[in-house]
C-alpha atoms as a PDB file:
ATOM      1  CA  ILE A   1     -11.930   6.066   9.038  1.00  0.00           C
ATOM      2  CA  PRO A   2     -15.487   7.529   9.264  1.00  0.00           C
ATOM      3  CA  GLU A   3     -14.669   9.617   6.164  1.00  0.00           C
ATOM      4  CA  ILE A   4     -13.630   6.636   4.028  1.00  0.00           C
ATOM      5  CA  THR A   5     -16.170   5.893   1.293  1.00  0.00           C
ATOM      6  CA  LYS A   6     -16.500   3.148  -1.280  1.00  0.00           C
ATOM      7  CA  ASP A   7     -15.055   5.561  -3.840  1.00  0.00           C
ATOM      8  CA  HIS A   8     -11.831   5.589  -1.831  1.00  0.00           C
ATOM      9  CA  LEU A   9     -11.706   1.798  -1.700  1.00  0.00           C
ATOM     10  CA  VAL A  10     -12.569   0.798  -5.242  1.00  0.00           C
ATOM     11  CA  ASP A  11      -9.072   1.239  -6.742  1.00  0.00           C
ATOM     12  CA  LEU A  12      -6.933   0.240  -3.770  1.00  0.00           C
ATOM     13  CA  LYS A  13      -4.195  -2.326  -4.425  1.00  0.00           C
ATOM     14  CA  LYS A  14      -3.389  -2.943  -0.771  1.00  0.00           C
ATOM     15  CA  ILE A  15      -4.694  -2.005   2.661  1.00  0.00           C
ATOM     16  CA  LEU A  16      -2.893  -2.474   5.990  1.00  0.00           C
ATOM     17  CA  LEU A  17      -4.979  -2.742   9.148  1.00  0.00           C
ATOM     18  CA  ALA A  18      -3.115  -2.435  12.442  1.00  0.00           C
ATOM     19  CA  GLY A  19      -4.092  -1.257  15.894  1.00  0.00           C
ATOM     20  CA  GLY A  20      -4.491  -1.461  18.828  1.00  0.00           C
ATOM     21  CA  GLU A  21      -5.844  -4.854  17.959  1.00  0.00           C
ATOM     22  CA  PRO A  22      -7.565  -4.703  14.543  1.00  0.00           C
ATOM     23  CA  PHE A  23      -9.775  -7.721  15.199  1.00  0.00           C
ATOM     24  CA  LEU A  24     -11.507  -5.670  17.925  1.00  0.00           C
ATOM     25  CA  ILE A  25     -11.883  -2.346  16.094  1.00  0.00           C
ATOM     26  CA  LYS A  26     -15.443  -1.975  14.794  1.00  0.00           C
ATOM     27  CA  GLU A  27     -14.458   0.617  12.182  1.00  0.00           C
ATOM     28  CA  HIS A  28     -12.006  -1.851  10.641  1.00  0.00           C
ATOM     29  CA  THR A  29     -14.841  -4.342  10.221  1.00  0.00           C
ATOM     30  CA  ASP A  30     -17.024  -1.713   8.554  1.00  0.00           C
ATOM     31  CA  THR A  31     -14.180  -0.810   6.192  1.00  0.00           C
ATOM     32  CA  LEU A  32     -13.602  -4.462   5.290  1.00  0.00           C
ATOM     33  CA  ARG A  33     -17.276  -4.990   4.506  1.00  0.00           C
ATOM     34  CA  SER A  34     -17.257  -2.032   2.135  1.00  0.00           C
ATOM     35  CA  LEU A  35     -14.007  -3.192   0.559  1.00  0.00           C
ATOM     36  CA  LEU A  36     -15.384  -6.690   0.030  1.00  0.00           C
ATOM     37  CA  GLU A  37     -18.344  -5.220  -1.813  1.00  0.00           C
ATOM     38  CA  VAL A  38     -16.443  -2.964  -4.230  1.00  0.00           C
ATOM     39  CA  ASN A  39     -12.892  -4.392  -4.397  1.00  0.00           C
ATOM     40  CA  PRO A  40     -12.674  -7.992  -3.132  1.00  0.00           C
ATOM     41  CA  LYS A  41      -9.334  -8.671  -4.860  1.00  0.00           C
ATOM     42  CA  CYS A  42      -7.529  -5.979  -2.840  1.00  0.00           C
ATOM     43  CA  LEU A  43      -4.597  -7.312  -0.804  1.00  0.00           C
ATOM     44  CA  VAL A  44      -5.481  -7.074   2.893  1.00  0.00           C
ATOM     45  CA  GLU A  45      -2.655  -7.106   5.421  1.00  0.00           C
ATOM     46  CA  VAL A  46      -3.459  -7.366   9.115  1.00  0.00           C
ATOM     47  CA  THR A  47      -1.043  -6.972  12.037  1.00  0.00           C
ATOM     48  CA  THR A  48      -2.439  -8.789  15.068  1.00  0.00           C
ATOM     49  CA  ASN A  49      -1.559 -10.249  18.467  1.00  0.00           C
ATOM     50  CA  LEU A  50      -4.161 -13.005  17.902  1.00  0.00           C
ATOM     51  CA  SER A  51      -5.812 -12.345  21.249  1.00  0.00           C
ATOM     52  CA  THR A  52      -9.136 -13.455  19.768  1.00  0.00           C
ATOM     53  CA  LEU A  53     -10.583 -14.755  16.510  1.00  0.00           C
ATOM     54  CA  SER A  54     -14.209 -14.707  17.654  1.00  0.00           C
ATOM     55  CA  THR A  55     -15.090 -11.387  16.058  1.00  0.00           C
ATOM     56  CA  PRO A  56     -17.066 -10.192  12.999  1.00  0.00           C
ATOM     57  CA  PHE A  57     -13.779  -8.832  11.618  1.00  0.00           C
ATOM     58  CA  TYR A  58     -12.329 -12.328  11.302  1.00  0.00           C
ATOM     59  CA  GLU A  59     -15.403 -13.710   9.571  1.00  0.00           C
ATOM     60  CA  VAL A  60     -15.340 -10.917   6.977  1.00  0.00           C
ATOM     61  CA  LEU A  61     -11.572 -11.261   6.541  1.00  0.00           C
ATOM     62  CA  LYS A  62     -11.904 -14.916   5.587  1.00  0.00           C
ATOM     63  CA  GLN A  63     -13.967 -13.919   2.548  1.00  0.00           C
ATOM     64  CA  PHE A  64     -11.040 -12.140   0.886  1.00  0.00           C
ATOM     65  CA  PRO A  65      -8.826 -14.202  -1.463  1.00  0.00           C
ATOM     66  CA  ASN A  66      -5.652 -12.164  -0.837  1.00  0.00           C
ATOM     67  CA  VAL A  67      -4.842 -11.827   2.855  1.00  0.00           C
ATOM     68  CA  THR A  68      -1.570 -11.629   4.777  1.00  0.00           C
ATOM     69  CA  ILE A  69      -1.680 -12.088   8.543  1.00  0.00           C
ATOM     70  CA  CYS A  70       1.295 -10.633  10.428  1.00  0.00           C
ATOM     71  CA  VAL A  71       1.433 -12.128  13.930  1.00  0.00           C
ATOM     72  CA  SER A  72       3.198 -10.279  16.747  1.00  0.00           C
ATOM     73  CA  PHE A  73       5.034 -12.438  19.316  1.00  0.00           C
ATOM     74  CA  GLU A  74       8.603 -13.054  20.442  1.00  0.00           C
ATOM     75  CA  SER A  75       8.457 -15.342  23.459  1.00  0.00           C
ATOM     76  CA  THR A  76       6.575 -18.361  24.836  1.00  0.00           C
ATOM     77  CA  GLY A  77       4.700 -19.513  27.929  1.00  0.00           C
ATOM     78  CA  ASP A  78       4.812 -17.337  31.037  1.00  0.00           C
ATOM     79  CA  ARG A  79       7.310 -14.985  29.404  1.00  0.00           C
ATOM     80  CA  TYR A  80       4.964 -14.426  26.491  1.00  0.00           C
ATOM     81  CA  GLU A  81       2.164 -13.633  28.930  1.00  0.00           C
ATOM     82  CA  TYR A  82       4.345 -11.087  30.723  1.00  0.00           C
ATOM     83  CA  ILE A  83       5.476  -9.340  27.531  1.00  0.00           C
ATOM     84  CA  ARG A  84       2.005  -9.505  25.974  1.00  0.00           C
ATOM     85  CA  TYR A  85       0.240  -8.748  29.240  1.00  0.00           C
ATOM     86  CA  GLY A  86      -3.387  -9.877  29.305  1.00  0.00           C
ATOM     87  CA  SER A  87      -2.857 -12.593  26.684  1.00  0.00           C
ATOM     88  CA  SER A  88      -2.914 -16.361  27.134  1.00  0.00           C
ATOM     89  CA  TRP A  89      -0.147 -18.462  25.619  1.00  0.00           C
ATOM     90  CA  GLY A  90      -2.438 -21.457  25.151  1.00  0.00           C
ATOM     91  CA  ASN A  91      -5.055 -19.319  23.439  1.00  0.00           C
ATOM     92  CA  PHE A  92      -2.413 -17.707  21.232  1.00  0.00           C
ATOM     93  CA  LYS A  93      -1.095 -21.070  20.034  1.00  0.00           C
ATOM     94  CA  ARG A  94      -4.599 -22.277  19.176  1.00  0.00           C
ATOM     95  CA  ASN A  95      -5.283 -19.088  17.257  1.00  0.00           C
ATOM     96  CA  LEU A  96      -1.960 -19.303  15.405  1.00  0.00           C
ATOM     97  CA  GLU A  97      -2.804 -22.831  14.307  1.00  0.00           C
ATOM     98  CA  GLN A  98      -6.217 -21.648  13.123  1.00  0.00           C
ATOM     99  CA  VAL A  99      -4.997 -18.681  11.062  1.00  0.00           C
ATOM    100  CA  ALA A 100      -2.392 -20.940   9.447  1.00  0.00           C
ATOM    101  CA  LYS A 101      -5.290 -23.143   8.303  1.00  0.00           C
ATOM    102  CA  ASP A 102      -7.492 -20.266   7.175  1.00  0.00           C
ATOM    103  CA  PHE A 103      -4.883 -18.180   5.318  1.00  0.00           C
ATOM    104  CA  SER A 104      -2.060 -19.123   2.980  1.00  0.00           C
ATOM    105  CA  SER A 105       0.121 -16.111   3.851  1.00  0.00           C
ATOM    106  CA  VAL A 106       1.109 -15.778   7.512  1.00  0.00           C
ATOM    107  CA  GLN A 107       4.105 -13.860   8.857  1.00  0.00           C
ATOM    108  CA  ALA A 108       5.660 -13.466  12.295  1.00  0.00           C
ATOM    109  CA  ASN A 109       6.981 -10.141  13.547  1.00  0.00           C
ATOM    110  CA  MET A 110       9.278 -10.579  16.550  1.00  0.00           C
ATOM    111  CA  ILE A 111      10.668  -7.671  18.548  1.00  0.00           C
ATOM    112  CA  PHE A 112      14.265  -8.057  19.700  1.00  0.00           C
ATOM    113  CA  PHE A 113      14.792  -6.421  23.114  1.00  0.00           C
ATOM    114  CA  PRO A 114      16.116  -7.395  26.571  1.00  0.00           C
ATOM    115  CA  LEU A 115      13.137  -9.480  27.679  1.00  0.00           C
ATOM    116  CA  SER A 116      12.742 -11.364  24.411  1.00  0.00           C
ATOM    117  CA  VAL A 117      16.355 -12.434  23.854  1.00  0.00           C
ATOM    118  CA  ILE A 118      16.051 -15.100  26.562  1.00  0.00           C
ATOM    119  CA  ASP A 119      13.286 -17.024  24.818  1.00  0.00           C
ATOM    120  CA  ILE A 120      13.079 -15.774  21.229  1.00  0.00           C
ATOM    121  CA  HIS A 121      14.661 -19.005  19.992  1.00  0.00           C
ATOM    122  CA  ASN A 122      11.669 -20.950  21.332  1.00  0.00           C
ATOM    123  CA  ALA A 123       9.278 -18.482  19.710  1.00  0.00           C
ATOM    124  CA  ILE A 124      11.073 -19.030  16.414  1.00  0.00           C
ATOM    125  CA  LEU A 125      10.722 -22.806  16.751  1.00  0.00           C
ATOM    126  CA  VAL A 126       6.984 -22.424  17.383  1.00  0.00           C
ATOM    127  CA  ALA A 127       6.621 -20.066  14.426  1.00  0.00           C
ATOM    128  CA  LYS A 128       8.396 -22.525  12.115  1.00  0.00           C
ATOM    129  CA  ASP A 129       5.609 -25.061  12.683  1.00  0.00           C
ATOM    130  CA  TYR A 130       3.215 -22.721  10.866  1.00  0.00           C
ATOM    131  CA  ILE A 131       5.250 -20.076   9.024  1.00  0.00           C
ATOM    132  CA  SER A 132       8.026 -20.281   6.428  1.00  0.00           C
ATOM    133  CA  ASN A 133      11.530 -19.193   7.421  1.00  0.00           C
ATOM    134  CA  GLU A 134      11.411 -16.266   4.981  1.00  0.00           C
ATOM    135  CA  ASN A 135       8.301 -14.912   6.695  1.00  0.00           C
ATOM    136  CA  ILE A 136       9.735 -14.824  10.218  1.00  0.00           C
ATOM    137  CA  PHE A 137      10.969 -11.273  10.786  1.00  0.00           C
ATOM    138  CA  ILE A 138      13.072 -10.091  13.741  1.00  0.00           C
ATOM    139  CA  ASN A 139      13.227  -6.357  14.374  1.00  0.00           C
ATOM    140  CA  PRO A 140      14.872  -4.193  17.045  1.00  0.00           C
ATOM    141  CA  GLU A 141      12.545  -2.422  19.433  1.00  0.00           C
ATOM    142  CA  GLN A 142      11.769   1.090  18.236  1.00  0.00           C
ATOM    143  CA  GLY A 143      12.209   3.755  20.878  1.00  0.00           C
ATOM    144  CA  GLY A 144      12.995   1.178  23.568  1.00  0.00           C
ATOM    145  CA  ILE A 145      15.700   1.149  26.212  1.00  0.00           C
ATOM    146  CA  GLY A 146      18.021  -1.134  24.269  1.00  0.00           C
ATOM    147  CA  PHE A 147      20.558  -3.284  26.111  1.00  0.00           C
ATOM    148  CA  THR A 148      22.707  -0.646  27.803  1.00  0.00           C
ATOM    149  CA  THR A 149      21.116  -1.181  31.231  1.00  0.00           C
ATOM    150  CA  VAL A 150      21.634  -4.957  31.237  1.00  0.00           C
ATOM    151  CA  ASN A 151      24.796  -6.142  32.943  1.00  0.00           C
ATOM    152  CA  LYS A 152      27.475  -7.006  30.429  1.00  0.00           C
ATOM    153  CA  HIS A 153      28.271 -10.472  31.793  1.00  0.00           C
ATOM    154  CA  SER A 154      24.676 -11.700  31.518  1.00  0.00           C
ATOM    155  CA  LEU A 155      24.344 -10.080  28.119  1.00  0.00           C
ATOM    156  CA  ASN A 156      27.473 -11.778  26.787  1.00  0.00           C
ATOM    157  CA  THR A 157      26.213 -15.151  27.991  1.00  0.00           C
ATOM    158  CA  LEU A 158      22.824 -14.638  26.355  1.00  0.00           C
ATOM    159  CA  ALA A 159      24.421 -13.405  23.129  1.00  0.00           C
ATOM    160  CA  SER A 160      26.664 -16.468  23.006  1.00  0.00           C
ATOM    161  CA  LYS A 161      23.756 -18.899  23.477  1.00  0.00           C
ATOM    162  CA  LEU A 162      21.634 -17.109  20.906  1.00  0.00           C
ATOM    163  CA  THR A 163      24.513 -17.093  18.434  1.00  0.00           C
ATOM    164  CA  ASP A 164      24.859 -20.861  18.848  1.00  0.00           C
ATOM    165  CA  PHE A 165      21.155 -21.210  18.086  1.00  0.00           C
ATOM    166  CA  ALA A 166      21.375 -18.863  15.096  1.00  0.00           C
ATOM    167  CA  ASN A 167      24.125 -20.992  13.603  1.00  0.00           C
ATOM    168  CA  THR A 168      21.764 -23.992  13.515  1.00  0.00           C
ATOM    169  CA  GLN A 169      19.142 -22.110  11.496  1.00  0.00           C
ATOM    170  CA  PRO A 170      18.626 -21.583   7.761  1.00  0.00           C
ATOM    171  CA  GLU A 171      20.578 -18.678   6.333  1.00  0.00           C
ATOM    172  CA  VAL A 172      17.704 -16.207   6.252  1.00  0.00           C
ATOM    173  CA  LEU A 173      16.976 -16.652   9.969  1.00  0.00           C
ATOM    174  CA  GLN A 174      20.628 -16.844  10.853  1.00  0.00           C
ATOM    175  CA  ASP A 175      21.290 -13.488   9.194  1.00  0.00           C
ATOM    176  CA  ARG A 176      18.314 -11.823  10.846  1.00  0.00           C
ATOM    177  CA  LEU A 177      19.309 -13.079  14.279  1.00  0.00           C
ATOM    178  CA  LEU A 178      22.990 -12.254  13.984  1.00  0.00           C
ATOM    179  CA  SER A 179      22.300  -8.707  12.815  1.00  0.00           C
ATOM    180  CA  ASN A 180      20.281  -8.145  15.998  1.00  0.00           C
ATOM    181  CA  ILE A 181      22.690  -9.969  18.281  1.00  0.00           C
ATOM    182  CA  SER A 182      25.395  -7.532  17.192  1.00  0.00           C
ATOM    183  CA  ASN A 183      23.405  -4.797  18.971  1.00  0.00           C
ATOM    184  CA  MET A 184      23.548  -6.566  22.346  1.00  0.00           C
ATOM    185  CA  GLN A 185      26.123  -4.176  23.773  1.00  0.00           C
ATOM    186  CA  SER A 186      26.486  -2.911  27.337  1.00  0.00           C
ATOM    187  CA  ASN A 187      29.108  -1.641  29.780  1.00  0.00           C
ATOM    188  CA  ALA A 188      26.818  -1.920  32.802  1.00  0.00           C
ATOM    189  CA  ASP A 189      28.000  -3.842  35.866  1.00  0.00           C
ATOM    190  CA  ALA A 190      24.438  -4.450  37.062  1.00  0.00           C
ATOM    191  CA  THR A 191      21.037  -4.767  35.432  1.00  0.00           C
ATOM    192  CA  THR A 192      18.526  -2.007  36.108  1.00  0.00           C
ATOM    193  CA  LEU A 193      15.289  -2.113  34.133  1.00  0.00           C
ATOM    194  CA  PHE A 194      13.225   0.720  35.614  1.00  0.00           C
ATOM    195  CA  ARG A 195      10.599   0.379  32.913  1.00  0.00           C
ATOM    196  CA  TYR A 196       9.720  -3.144  34.048  1.00  0.00           C
ATOM    197  CA  ILE A 197      10.021  -2.345  37.740  1.00  0.00           C
ATOM    198  CA  GLN A 198       7.302   0.250  37.202  1.00  0.00           C
ATOM    199  CA  PHE A 199       5.245  -2.189  35.144  1.00  0.00           C
ATOM    200  CA  ASP A 200       5.544  -4.797  37.904  1.00  0.00           C
ATOM    201  CA  LYS A 201       4.061  -2.365  40.417  1.00  0.00           C
ATOM    202  CA  LEU A 202       1.062  -1.792  38.176  1.00  0.00           C
ATOM    203  CA  THR A 203       0.464  -5.484  37.448  1.00  0.00           C
ATOM    204  CA  ASN A 204       1.594  -7.144  40.701  1.00  0.00           C
ATOM    205  CA  GLN A 205       4.331  -9.168  38.996  1.00  0.00           C
ATOM    206  CA  ASP A 206       8.089  -9.591  39.269  1.00  0.00           C
ATOM    207  CA  HIS A 207       9.961  -9.666  35.983  1.00  0.00           C
ATOM    208  CA  LYS A 208      13.157 -10.649  37.815  1.00  0.00           C
ATOM    209  CA  LEU A 209      11.687 -14.107  38.463  1.00  0.00           C
ATOM    210  CA  LEU A 210      10.676 -14.691  34.833  1.00  0.00           C
ATOM    211  CA  PHE A 211      13.749 -13.100  33.254  1.00  0.00           C
ATOM    212  CA  LYS A 212      16.377 -13.960  35.850  1.00  0.00           C
ATOM    213  CA  GLU A 213      18.961 -14.596  33.117  1.00  0.00           C
ATOM    214  CA  LEU A 214      19.223 -10.811  32.705  1.00  0.00           C
ATOM    215  CA  TYR A 215      20.447 -10.506  36.279  1.00  0.00           C
END
């Protein structure tokens, strides 16, 4: 980023700013200011967890006419706060409402993995208050542990409930959910999620209380 000049920015059609959290990265703000000066019609896409809007980045971003905000979340309440450790669900909802007012193009990017399948239907219902069905995306976790260490009986129950929910949704969401549900496969007789056991030790939590449906 320090090597990017206005000459690099002047002919851009699209720029994607991710992170970390882009709203908190000073260099992203500097880049946006330069872009606004030489190429204000450039499409700006931002992937964010919406942890905060009170940053110079957000104020500069609002000056662009073509912005897409891609919001990362896949659960609600206490489960959201576990998955997105350090974030506040109440704060997130307020920020989601605000970006929906400030920008005409908002997307949701939801990660489909063992912890999220319990509550992703509620996250989808929240998203639908602010985001069109076509712009709610559901993607498998990349490089994650998958479902093979979740006991098969719990997994089948969760898959059945989520399928019932999917069948109540518009076709685009139904298809996206069902394609992920098909990957909920396991032969395990017991659930063992070492990754989250280790995380619990670091954060003084117990995922088994919040995600007991997996057990």
